[in-house]
């Protein structure tokens, strides 16, 4: 039996988040700096003999099936991927994520990109990274109507430390630094930690941000957020990591003006404590409300900051930057190990 597998990386969004969301991206041009990390959504496809489709999410402990043309189960995201790729019939698909759902690291988009890469590999469907990212965007934002931007799909497809330019006829992908030593230096001064579920997403956080933008309340904050991208790239290329960290603080203060739901009291409490124990700056890695936070600090204060975060209930997770996007491969497996 031949098994097919794929993995797509998640990302830390540093600057420009929110400018990749409609209508700002189309009307004013969006710009985002992010980098992929070694946290993945992983998928496996196994051919089955009954002609139906079974989807298993190991971390969510959910199963979806399609045997008569209609889906049974709650796994709407992978169901939508398979609906968009009708070539996939008679398959069992298994998946899991390295981090909890609602992490703010782009796990939903990484799942879609991982599955698309998997299926396109199995059925020899040509799909370059741009096509992959755009189809993933369509599935999430159009087919399923999930609000959000484009940066997560592109990060999962392309990988690395890149600036993504949105709003033109094509998304422009601009690699920022490829020097391994530069990435390692930045990585040595960064820390990520999980602060808990994004419960405030019951306030429709993304819809609130879009509404405030359309009403004109936050347009200047989006412009300021976008301007941070070029400044941060200059600092990175000059290896001015401390200044990069301080710029994270400035950008976080602006980001909070997008919506009052971005930084609930627990987030503010954690952030204040982190700043008091060495952090130059930091932010929530996603839209807001909870999930993961990233902090920049001097190398010699990492342990002090880590202890402080853990004292506040934050689960610090080690990570490394990655330079590549989604991968797929296959192996021949015989006997019990195939099951």
Protein backbone atom coordinates (compact mmCIF):
# COMPACT_ATOMS: atom_id res chain seq x y z
CA UNK A 1 0.00 0.00 0.00
CA UNK A 2 1.18 3.49 -0.79
CA UNK A 3 0.76 6.15 1.90
CA UNK A 4 0.85 9.83 1.07
CA UNK A 5 1.74 12.48 3.64
CA UNK A 6 2.08 16.25 3.78
CA UNK A 7 2.90 18.92 6.32
CA UNK A 8 2.39 22.68 6.14
CA UNK A 9 4.08 25.12 8.53
CA UNK A 10 2.41 27.70 10.71
CA UNK A 11 3.73 31.23 11.05
CA UNK A 12 4.49 34.07 13.43
CA UNK A 13 3.00 37.29 12.10
CA UNK A 14 5.29 40.17 13.04
CA UNK A 15 4.04 43.32 11.31
CA UNK A 16 1.20 44.39 9.04
CA UNK A 17 -1.40 41.91 10.22
CA UNK A 18 -4.91 43.07 9.34
CA UNK A 19 -3.83 44.94 6.21
CA UNK A 20 -4.22 41.67 4.24
CA UNK A 21 -7.96 41.64 5.03
CA UNK A 22 -10.66 43.00 2.71
CA UNK A 23 -11.53 45.74 2.02
CA UNK A 24 -8.26 47.37 3.13
CA UNK A 25 -6.01 45.17 0.97
CA UNK A 26 -7.90 45.96 -2.23
CA UNK A 27 -8.46 49.65 -1.55
CA UNK A 28 -5.12 50.63 -0.03
CA UNK A 29 -2.73 47.73 -0.60
CA UNK A 30 -1.79 45.36 2.21
CA UNK A 31 1.69 44.42 3.38
CA UNK A 32 2.63 41.79 5.97
CA UNK A 33 5.90 40.45 7.40
CA UNK A 34 5.80 36.92 8.80
CA UNK A 35 8.00 33.85 9.13
CA UNK A 36 7.12 30.18 9.23
CA UNK A 37 8.08 28.04 12.23
CA UNK A 38 8.47 24.34 12.96
CA UNK A 39 4.87 23.87 14.09
CA UNK A 40 2.90 21.99 11.46
CA UNK A 41 -0.46 20.65 10.42
CA UNK A 42 0.18 17.10 9.24
CA UNK A 43 -2.00 15.00 6.93
CA UNK A 44 -1.94 11.43 5.63
CA UNK A 45 -3.97 9.90 2.79
CA UNK A 46 -4.58 6.19 2.39
CA UNK A 47 -6.56 4.74 -0.56
CA UNK A 48 -9.65 2.78 0.51
CA UNK A 49 -11.64 0.16 -1.36
CA UNK A 50 -15.22 1.23 -0.68
CA UNK A 51 -15.27 4.41 -2.80
CA UNK A 52 -16.30 6.65 0.10
CA UNK A 53 -14.30 9.27 1.99
CA UNK A 54 -13.38 9.21 5.67
CA UNK A 55 -11.69 12.13 7.46
CA UNK A 56 -10.17 11.68 10.90
CA UNK A 57 -8.91 14.53 13.05
CA UNK A 58 -6.73 12.99 15.75
CA UNK A 59 -6.42 16.12 17.90
CA UNK A 60 -10.09 17.14 17.65
CA UNK A 61 -11.20 13.49 18.05
CA UNK A 62 -13.74 13.93 15.26
CA UNK A 63 -14.62 11.80 12.22
CA UNK A 64 -16.46 12.87 9.06
CA UNK A 65 -17.73 10.53 6.33
CA UNK A 66 -19.17 10.89 2.86
CA UNK A 67 -20.70 7.75 1.41
CA UNK A 68 -23.86 8.94 -0.38
CA UNK A 69 -22.82 12.36 -1.63
CA UNK A 70 -23.56 14.09 1.68
CA UNK A 71 -21.21 14.70 4.57
CA UNK A 72 -21.77 13.34 8.05
CA UNK A 73 -19.66 14.99 10.76
CA UNK A 74 -18.39 18.37 11.97
CA UNK A 75 -15.06 18.69 10.14
CA UNK A 76 -16.25 21.44 7.80
CA UNK A 77 -12.79 22.69 6.77
CA UNK A 78 -11.35 19.40 5.43
CA UNK A 79 -14.78 18.58 3.99
CA UNK A 80 -14.65 21.82 1.97
CA UNK A 81 -11.15 20.95 0.71
CA UNK A 82 -12.34 17.58 -0.56
CA UNK A 83 -15.41 19.19 -2.14
CA UNK A 84 -13.05 21.53 -4.00
CA UNK A 85 -10.90 18.59 -5.17
CA UNK A 86 -13.42 16.10 -6.66
CA UNK A 87 -10.57 13.93 -7.96
CA UNK A 88 -10.19 12.53 -4.44
CA UNK A 89 -12.52 9.55 -4.12
CA UNK A 90 -12.15 6.35 -2.13
CA UNK A 91 -9.70 7.73 0.42
CA UNK A 92 -9.11 7.84 4.16
CA UNK A 93 -7.53 11.13 5.31
CA UNK A 94 -6.02 11.52 8.78
CA UNK A 95 -4.75 14.81 10.22
CA UNK A 96 -3.56 16.58 13.33
CA UNK A 97 -2.03 19.87 14.36
CA UNK A 98 1.04 20.48 16.51
CA UNK A 99 -0.84 23.25 18.37
CA UNK A 100 -4.41 23.71 19.66
CA UNK A 101 -7.08 25.21 17.39
CA UNK A 102 -7.47 28.97 17.63
CA UNK A 103 -3.71 29.32 18.20
CA UNK A 104 -3.29 32.50 16.15
CA UNK A 105 -0.45 30.81 14.25
CA UNK A 106 -2.49 30.20 11.09
CA UNK A 107 -3.29 26.55 11.75
CA UNK A 108 -6.58 26.57 9.82
CA UNK A 109 -4.90 27.79 6.65
CA UNK A 110 -2.00 25.39 7.18
CA UNK A 111 -4.53 22.54 7.29
CA UNK A 112 -6.10 23.60 3.99
CA UNK A 113 -2.72 24.08 2.28
CA UNK A 114 -1.46 20.75 3.61
CA UNK A 115 -4.52 18.89 2.31
CA UNK A 116 -4.40 20.60 -1.08
CA UNK A 117 -0.72 19.72 -1.48
CA UNK A 118 -1.47 16.15 -0.42
CA UNK A 119 -4.32 15.66 -2.89
CA UNK A 120 -2.57 17.42 -5.77
CA UNK A 121 0.44 15.15 -5.23
CA UNK A 122 -1.64 11.95 -5.13
CA UNK A 123 -3.54 12.80 -8.32
CA UNK A 124 -0.70 14.56 -10.18
CA UNK A 125 -2.52 17.89 -10.34
CA UNK A 126 -0.07 20.72 -11.18
CA UNK A 127 -0.28 23.40 -8.50
CA UNK A 128 2.42 26.00 -7.86
CA UNK A 129 2.58 27.84 -4.50
CA UNK A 130 0.57 30.85 -5.76
CA UNK A 131 -2.21 28.61 -7.09
CA UNK A 132 -2.16 26.60 -3.88
CA UNK A 133 -2.44 29.70 -1.68
CA UNK A 134 -5.22 31.26 -3.77
CA UNK A 135 -7.29 28.06 -3.78
CA UNK A 136 -6.83 27.76 -0.01
CA UNK A 137 -7.97 31.37 0.36
CA UNK A 138 -11.06 30.69 -1.77
CA UNK A 139 -12.01 27.61 0.23
CA UNK A 140 -11.73 29.40 3.58
CA UNK A 141 -12.95 32.89 2.78
CA UNK A 142 -15.42 32.32 -0.09
CA UNK A 143 -16.69 28.73 0.07
CA UNK A 144 -16.93 28.65 3.87
CA UNK A 145 -17.27 32.39 4.50
CA UNK A 146 -14.68 32.41 7.29
CA UNK A 147 -13.53 36.03 7.80
CA UNK A 148 -9.82 36.76 7.56
CA UNK A 149 -6.97 37.69 5.28
CA UNK A 150 -4.50 36.04 2.91
CA UNK A 151 -1.21 35.97 4.81
CA UNK A 152 -1.68 32.55 6.42
CA UNK A 153 -2.30 30.67 3.16
CA UNK A 154 0.71 32.28 1.49
CA UNK A 155 3.00 31.66 4.47
CA UNK A 156 2.06 27.96 4.54
CA UNK A 157 2.59 27.63 0.79
CA UNK A 158 5.86 29.58 0.45
CA UNK A 159 7.55 29.41 3.87
CA UNK A 160 10.45 31.46 5.18
CA UNK A 161 10.76 35.07 6.33
CA UNK A 162 8.86 37.07 3.72
CA UNK A 163 6.98 40.28 3.08
CA UNK A 164 3.71 39.65 1.24
CA UNK A 165 2.24 42.49 -0.83
CA UNK A 166 -1.53 42.29 -1.27
CA UNK A 167 -4.00 44.27 -3.33
CA UNK A 168 -2.58 44.07 -6.87
CA UNK A 169 -3.54 41.56 -9.57
CA UNK A 170 -1.06 39.12 -8.04
CA UNK A 171 0.32 38.73 -4.54
CA UNK A 172 4.03 39.61 -4.50
CA UNK A 173 6.23 37.44 -2.30
CA UNK A 174 9.44 39.17 -1.17
CA UNK A 175 11.96 37.06 0.77
CA UNK A 176 13.53 39.23 3.48
CA UNK A 177 16.45 37.33 4.96
CA UNK A 178 17.74 33.94 3.92
CA UNK A 179 21.02 34.03 5.87
CA UNK A 180 20.74 31.20 8.43
CA UNK A 181 22.84 33.15 10.95
CA UNK A 182 20.50 36.14 10.78
CA UNK A 183 17.44 33.96 11.35
CA UNK A 184 19.16 32.18 14.23
CA UNK A 185 20.09 35.50 15.84
CA UNK A 186 16.48 36.71 15.73
CA UNK A 187 15.24 33.33 16.92
CA UNK A 188 17.61 33.45 19.92
CA UNK A 189 15.85 36.59 21.14
CA UNK A 190 12.25 35.42 20.62
CA UNK A 191 9.88 33.37 22.73
CA UNK A 192 6.34 32.13 22.06
CA UNK A 193 3.80 31.05 24.64
CA UNK A 194 0.21 29.80 24.61
CA UNK A 195 -2.08 31.91 26.78
CA UNK A 196 -5.27 29.93 26.21
CA UNK A 197 -8.31 29.63 23.96
CA UNK A 198 -9.47 32.70 22.11
CA UNK A 199 -12.79 32.79 23.94
CA UNK A 200 -13.39 36.40 22.99
CA UNK A 201 -13.84 35.30 19.41
CA UNK A 202 -17.48 34.93 20.44
CA UNK A 203 -17.41 38.71 19.92
CA UNK A 204 -16.74 38.12 16.19
CA UNK A 205 -13.38 39.81 16.47
CA UNK A 206 -12.55 39.86 12.75
CA UNK A 207 -16.00 41.15 11.79
CA UNK A 208 -15.64 43.89 14.40
CA UNK A 209 -12.31 44.97 12.91
CA UNK A 210 -13.75 45.05 9.38
CA UNK A 211 -16.79 47.03 10.53
CA UNK A 212 -14.63 49.63 12.27
CA UNK A 213 -12.44 49.94 9.17
CA UNK A 214 -15.44 50.44 6.85
CA UNK A 215 -16.81 53.09 9.19
CA UNK A 216 -13.48 54.91 8.99
CA UNK A 217 -12.62 54.48 12.66
CA UNK A 218 -9.37 52.56 12.15
CA UNK A 219 -8.08 53.46 8.67
CA UNK A 220 -5.12 55.45 10.01
CA UNK A 221 -4.19 52.59 12.36
CA UNK A 222 -4.09 50.20 9.40
CA UNK A 223 -1.85 52.67 7.55
CA UNK A 224 0.47 52.89 10.57
CA UNK A 225 0.54 49.12 10.89
CA UNK A 226 1.53 48.76 7.24
CA UNK A 227 4.30 51.36 7.62
CA UNK A 228 5.92 49.26 10.35
CA UNK A 229 6.68 46.54 7.78
CA UNK A 230 9.29 48.50 5.81
CA UNK A 231 10.87 49.78 9.01
CA UNK A 232 11.09 46.28 10.47
CA UNK A 233 12.68 44.88 7.32
CA UNK A 234 15.46 47.49 7.48
CA UNK A 235 16.11 46.58 11.10
CA UNK A 236 16.21 42.86 10.33
CA UNK A 237 18.60 43.27 7.43
CA UNK A 238 20.83 45.38 9.66
CA UNK A 239 20.59 42.77 12.45
CA UNK A 240 19.26 45.42 14.84
CA UNK A 241 17.30 42.86 16.83
CA UNK A 242 16.75 45.01 19.94
CA UNK A 243 15.24 47.76 17.80
CA UNK A 244 13.12 45.15 16.01
CA UNK A 245 11.83 44.04 19.42
CA UNK A 246 11.04 47.61 20.47
CA UNK A 247 9.19 48.12 17.20
CA UNK A 248 7.02 45.12 18.08
CA UNK A 249 5.91 47.07 21.15
CA UNK A 250 5.06 50.14 19.08
CA UNK A 251 3.09 48.04 16.61
CA UNK A 252 1.23 46.24 19.39
CA UNK A 253 0.05 49.55 20.81
CA UNK A 254 -1.34 50.47 17.38
CA UNK A 255 -2.84 47.01 16.78
CA UNK A 256 -4.93 47.26 19.95
CA UNK A 257 -6.73 50.26 18.43
CA UNK A 258 -8.21 47.97 15.74
CA UNK A 259 -10.78 46.60 18.21
CA UNK A 260 -11.35 46.66 21.98
CA UNK A 261 -11.54 42.85 21.92
CA UNK A 262 -7.95 42.28 20.74
CA UNK A 263 -6.32 42.59 24.17
CA UNK A 264 -8.57 41.35 27.00
CA UNK A 265 -7.40 41.99 30.58
CA UNK A 266 -5.48 38.72 30.88
CA UNK A 267 -3.46 39.60 27.77
CA UNK A 268 -2.66 43.05 29.11
CA UNK A 269 -1.62 41.55 32.45
CA UNK A 270 0.74 39.06 30.79
CA UNK A 271 2.18 41.70 28.49
CA UNK A 272 2.84 44.16 31.32
CA UNK A 273 4.60 41.45 33.35
CA UNK A 274 6.70 40.44 30.35
CA UNK A 275 7.83 44.02 29.77
CA UNK A 276 8.78 44.31 33.45
CA UNK A 277 10.98 41.21 33.14
CA UNK A 278 13.05 41.90 30.07
CA UNK A 279 10.79 41.91 27.01
CA UNK A 280 11.51 44.70 24.54
CA UNK A 281 8.09 44.13 23.05
CA UNK A 282 5.65 41.52 21.86
CA UNK A 283 2.18 40.85 20.52
CA UNK A 284 -0.54 38.31 19.98
CA UNK A 285 0.41 36.25 16.92
CA UNK A 286 -3.08 36.19 15.40
CA UNK A 287 -6.15 38.40 15.20
CA UNK A 288 -6.34 38.77 18.99
CA UNK A 289 -8.26 37.62 22.02
CA UNK A 290 -5.92 34.77 22.98
CA UNK A 291 -3.91 31.94 21.46
CA UNK A 292 -0.14 32.43 21.22
CA UNK A 293 1.89 35.52 22.04
CA UNK A 294 5.43 36.26 20.86
CA UNK A 295 7.97 38.27 22.86
CA UNK A 296 11.38 39.67 21.98
CA UNK A 297 13.96 40.00 24.74
CA UNK A 298 17.74 40.08 25.33
CA UNK A 299 19.31 36.63 25.18
CA UNK A 300 20.54 36.87 28.77
CA UNK A 301 17.02 37.54 30.11
CA UNK A 302 15.27 34.65 28.36
CA UNK A 303 15.03 32.45 31.44
CA UNK A 304 13.79 35.32 33.60
CA UNK A 305 11.08 36.07 31.04
CA UNK A 306 10.18 32.41 30.64
CA UNK A 307 9.69 31.98 34.41
CA UNK A 308 7.56 35.13 34.53
CA UNK A 309 5.34 33.91 31.71
CA UNK A 310 4.94 30.49 33.29
CA UNK A 311 4.03 32.13 36.61
CA UNK A 312 1.18 33.81 34.71
CA UNK A 313 -0.09 30.53 33.30
CA UNK A 314 1.53 30.87 29.87
CA UNK A 315 2.75 27.62 28.29
CA UNK A 316 6.07 28.52 26.68
CA UNK A 317 6.81 26.44 23.57
CA UNK A 318 10.23 26.05 21.94
CA UNK A 319 10.32 26.76 18.22
CA UNK A 320 12.66 27.29 15.29
CA UNK A 321 12.18 29.24 12.09
CA UNK A 322 11.75 27.29 8.88
CA UNK A 323 12.68 28.39 5.38
CA UNK A 324 10.37 26.17 3.33
CA UNK A 325 6.64 25.89 2.84
CA UNK A 326 4.37 22.87 2.49
CA UNK A 327 5.91 19.47 1.71
CA UNK A 328 4.39 16.23 0.44
CA UNK A 329 5.89 12.76 0.02
CA UNK A 330 4.88 9.11 -0.27
CA UNK A 331 6.12 5.74 0.93
CA UNK A 332 5.29 2.10 0.25
CA UNK A 333 4.12 0.37 3.41
CA UNK A 334 3.10 -3.28 3.69
CA UNK A 335 1.54 -5.21 6.51
CA UNK A 336 0.19 -4.05 9.90
CA UNK A 337 2.20 -0.80 9.93
CA UNK A 338 0.01 0.49 7.12
CA UNK A 339 -2.98 0.62 9.48
